[in-house]
């Protein structure tokens, strides 16, 4: 079970646009998150250590309702329409039939 501080640390790592800077994360919290396989440490192109949220970490945040869903993908041939929009339109047509 994670402490509220560890959950906040996981959110901090997930909120960064790329790998989170290791300086922003407390070592005890990082160790707990790594032990639970919620984050991993990587080296950036410059050789700096960074923290990345794993698929398990993203799933935990999703289940807690603390992470927004990824943006909708667009159809390759659909002129920019989102897959979610296309699915909704298809469902709407079936309901009218």
Protein backbone atom coordinates (compact mmCIF):
# COMPACT_ATOMS: atom_id res chain seq x y z
CA UNK A 1 0.00 0.00 0.00
CA UNK A 2 1.31 3.42 -0.93
CA UNK A 3 1.36 6.41 1.37
CA UNK A 4 -0.31 9.64 0.26
CA UNK A 5 3.16 11.13 -0.22
CA UNK A 6 4.19 8.25 -2.49
CA UNK A 7 1.02 8.70 -4.55
CA UNK A 8 1.80 12.41 -4.84
CA UNK A 9 5.32 11.52 -5.98
CA UNK A 10 3.89 9.16 -8.59
CA UNK A 11 1.62 11.98 -9.79
CA UNK A 12 4.61 14.32 -9.98
CA UNK A 13 6.50 11.83 -12.15
CA UNK A 14 3.43 11.24 -14.35
CA UNK A 15 2.70 14.96 -14.75
CA UNK A 16 6.04 15.74 -16.37
CA UNK A 17 5.98 15.91 -20.17
CA UNK A 18 8.94 13.57 -20.35
CA UNK A 19 11.03 11.70 -17.82
CA UNK A 20 10.90 13.43 -14.43
CA UNK A 21 14.04 15.00 -13.00
CA UNK A 22 15.41 12.81 -10.22
CA UNK A 23 16.08 15.91 -8.07
CA UNK A 24 12.32 16.47 -7.79
CA UNK A 25 11.71 13.10 -6.10
CA UNK A 26 12.59 12.11 -2.53
CA UNK A 27 14.82 9.00 -2.42
CA UNK A 28 12.62 7.02 0.05
CA UNK A 29 9.55 7.62 -2.11
CA UNK A 30 11.47 6.71 -5.25
CA UNK A 31 12.64 3.45 -3.64
CA UNK A 32 9.06 2.56 -2.64
CA UNK A 33 7.73 3.29 -6.12
CA UNK A 34 10.52 1.30 -7.75
CA UNK A 35 9.92 -1.62 -5.42
CA UNK A 36 6.26 -1.65 -6.47
CA UNK A 37 7.41 -1.39 -10.13
CA UNK A 38 5.47 1.83 -10.63
CA UNK A 39 8.49 3.83 -11.85
CA UNK A 40 11.91 3.09 -13.32
CA UNK A 41 15.09 5.12 -13.52
CA UNK A 42 16.61 5.78 -16.92
CA UNK A 43 19.49 7.88 -18.21
CA UNK A 44 18.68 10.82 -20.45
CA UNK A 45 20.59 11.53 -23.66
CA UNK A 46 22.86 13.80 -21.59
CA UNK A 47 23.46 10.99 -19.09
CA UNK A 48 21.30 12.53 -16.37
CA UNK A 49 19.19 10.10 -14.32
CA UNK A 50 15.44 10.46 -14.89
CA UNK A 51 12.31 8.74 -13.60
CA UNK A 52 9.63 7.30 -15.90
CA UNK A 53 6.22 5.98 -14.83
CA UNK A 54 5.73 2.36 -15.92
CA UNK A 55 2.57 0.87 -17.41
CA UNK A 56 1.74 -0.43 -13.91
CA UNK A 57 2.09 3.09 -12.52
CA UNK A 58 -0.14 4.58 -15.22
CA UNK A 59 -2.72 1.83 -14.60
CA UNK A 60 -2.72 2.57 -10.85
CA UNK A 61 -3.25 6.28 -11.48
CA UNK A 62 -6.04 5.48 -13.94
CA UNK A 63 -7.79 3.22 -11.42
CA UNK A 64 -7.53 5.92 -8.77
CA UNK A 65 -9.02 8.44 -11.22
CA UNK A 66 -5.92 10.59 -10.98
CA UNK A 67 -4.78 10.57 -14.58
CA UNK A 68 -6.56 11.89 -17.61
CA UNK A 69 -6.99 9.52 -20.54
CA UNK A 70 -4.57 9.92 -23.43
CA UNK A 71 -5.74 12.16 -26.26
CA UNK A 72 -7.92 10.49 -28.88
CA UNK A 73 -6.02 9.16 -31.87
CA UNK A 74 -7.00 10.35 -35.30
CA UNK A 75 -7.90 8.12 -38.22
CA UNK A 76 -5.21 7.82 -40.88
CA UNK A 77 -7.73 8.28 -43.72
CA UNK A 78 -10.54 9.96 -41.86
CA UNK A 79 -9.53 13.56 -42.51
CA UNK A 80 -8.62 14.13 -38.87
CA UNK A 81 -11.76 12.74 -37.28
CA UNK A 82 -11.08 11.06 -33.96
CA UNK A 83 -11.66 7.36 -33.50
CA UNK A 84 -13.88 8.13 -30.53
CA UNK A 85 -15.95 10.50 -32.67
CA UNK A 86 -16.26 7.92 -35.45
CA UNK A 87 -17.36 5.25 -32.97
CA UNK A 88 -19.95 7.62 -31.48
CA UNK A 89 -21.32 8.47 -34.93
CA UNK A 90 -21.53 4.78 -35.83
CA UNK A 91 -23.37 3.98 -32.60
CA UNK A 92 -25.76 6.88 -33.18
CA UNK A 93 -26.60 5.59 -36.68
CA UNK A 94 -27.30 2.11 -35.30
CA UNK A 95 -29.64 3.54 -32.66
CA UNK A 96 -31.62 5.41 -35.31
CA UNK A 97 -32.03 2.32 -37.53
